């Protein structure tokens, strides 16, 4: 779906009350939540325990093996034994474990 962003921005700028802006924010947040659920579901469908994955973390990226998949996160075990609870949208599969 293509959205005419300049036109949308112009329409948002026409809002003149706090109530109108709050309503716009509520609609955007609701849509963002829907998109995150869809993206998380798509990611989750392609992942299995034992998959090799990479994920962006606070201190750079990590590479490890999925131990368990939960509703919105997966437990990823690194080679050194450290386990991280990683949000599904941050995980990128790189292969199957041997």
Protein backbone atom coordinates (compact mmCIF):
# COMPACT_ATOMS: atom_id res chain seq x y z
CA UNK A 1 0.00 0.00 0.00
CA UNK A 2 1.37 3.37 -0.99
CA UNK A 3 0.47 6.34 1.16
CA UNK A 4 0.88 9.90 -0.01
CA UNK A 5 3.05 10.98 2.95
CA UNK A 6 3.38 14.66 2.00
CA UNK A 7 -0.42 14.93 1.79
CA UNK A 8 -0.83 13.05 5.08
CA UNK A 9 1.68 15.35 6.79
CA UNK A 10 -0.15 18.40 5.44
CA UNK A 11 -3.46 17.08 6.80
CA UNK A 12 -1.90 16.42 10.22
CA UNK A 13 -0.54 19.96 10.31
CA UNK A 14 -4.11 21.24 9.92
CA UNK A 15 -5.00 19.83 13.36
CA UNK A 16 -5.67 22.77 15.64
CA UNK A 17 -6.55 21.25 19.01
CA UNK A 18 -4.87 18.93 21.46
CA UNK A 19 -7.82 16.55 21.18
CA UNK A 20 -7.33 16.23 17.42
CA UNK A 21 -3.60 15.58 17.82
CA UNK A 22 -4.27 13.01 20.57
CA UNK A 23 -6.73 11.19 18.29
CA UNK A 24 -4.15 11.11 15.48
CA UNK A 25 -1.56 9.73 17.91
CA UNK A 26 -3.98 7.05 19.12
CA UNK A 27 -4.71 5.93 15.55
CA UNK A 28 -0.99 5.79 14.68
CA UNK A 29 -0.18 3.81 17.84
CA UNK A 30 -2.99 1.33 17.14
CA UNK A 31 -1.77 0.79 13.57
CA UNK A 32 1.81 0.42 14.79
CA UNK A 33 0.72 -2.29 17.22
CA UNK A 34 -1.08 -4.18 14.45
CA UNK A 35 1.98 -4.00 12.18
CA UNK A 36 4.28 -5.22 14.98
CA UNK A 37 2.02 -8.23 15.64
CA UNK A 38 1.98 -9.10 11.93
CA UNK A 39 5.76 -8.75 11.61
CA UNK A 40 6.33 -10.79 14.76
CA UNK A 41 4.03 -13.54 13.48
CA UNK A 42 5.82 -13.67 10.13
CA UNK A 43 9.19 -13.94 11.87
CA UNK A 44 7.93 -16.55 14.30
CA UNK A 45 6.59 -18.78 11.50
CA UNK A 46 10.04 -19.13 9.97
CA UNK A 47 11.95 -19.89 13.18
CA UNK A 48 12.50 -23.18 14.99
CA UNK A 49 14.55 -24.19 18.02
CA UNK A 50 18.02 -25.06 16.80
CA UNK A 51 18.12 -22.35 14.12
CA UNK A 52 21.22 -20.20 13.89
CA UNK A 53 20.27 -16.53 14.14
CA UNK A 54 21.70 -13.09 14.50
CA UNK A 55 20.12 -10.19 16.37
CA UNK A 56 20.95 -6.56 17.01
CA UNK A 57 21.55 -5.95 20.70
CA UNK A 58 22.43 -3.01 22.93
CA UNK A 59 26.15 -3.72 22.61
CA UNK A 60 26.22 -4.74 18.97
CA UNK A 61 24.91 -7.81 17.22
CA UNK A 62 24.85 -11.33 18.64
CA UNK A 63 24.91 -14.68 16.88
CA UNK A 64 23.57 -17.81 18.49
CA UNK A 65 21.14 -20.70 18.44
CA UNK A 66 17.45 -20.52 19.30
CA UNK A 67 16.70 -22.58 22.39
CA UNK A 68 13.00 -21.77 22.78
CA UNK A 69 10.40 -19.59 21.07
CA UNK A 70 7.87 -17.77 23.22
CA UNK A 71 4.93 -15.56 22.26
CA UNK A 72 6.92 -12.43 21.40
CA UNK A 73 10.53 -13.38 22.18
CA UNK A 74 13.00 -16.20 21.67
CA UNK A 75 15.74 -17.42 23.95
CA UNK A 76 19.00 -17.31 22.02
CA UNK A 77 22.05 -19.14 23.35
CA UNK A 78 25.50 -17.90 22.35
CA UNK A 79 28.55 -20.14 21.89
CA UNK A 80 29.85 -19.11 25.33
CA UNK A 81 26.63 -20.35 26.98
CA UNK A 82 25.10 -16.91 27.61
CA UNK A 83 21.35 -16.78 26.94
CA UNK A 84 19.42 -13.74 25.80
CA UNK A 85 15.67 -13.14 25.63
CA UNK A 86 15.42 -11.48 22.20
CA UNK A 87 12.28 -9.86 20.70
CA UNK A 88 11.25 -11.75 17.55
CA UNK A 89 11.33 -8.73 15.20
CA UNK A 90 15.05 -8.27 15.97
CA UNK A 91 15.96 -11.84 14.98
CA UNK A 92 17.30 -12.66 11.51
CA UNK A 93 17.78 -16.34 10.61
CA UNK A 94 21.16 -17.29 9.14
CA UNK A 95 20.82 -21.08 8.90
CA UNK A 96 19.91 -24.36 10.54
CA UNK A 97 22.01 -25.88 13.31
CA UNK A 98 23.85 -29.06 12.43
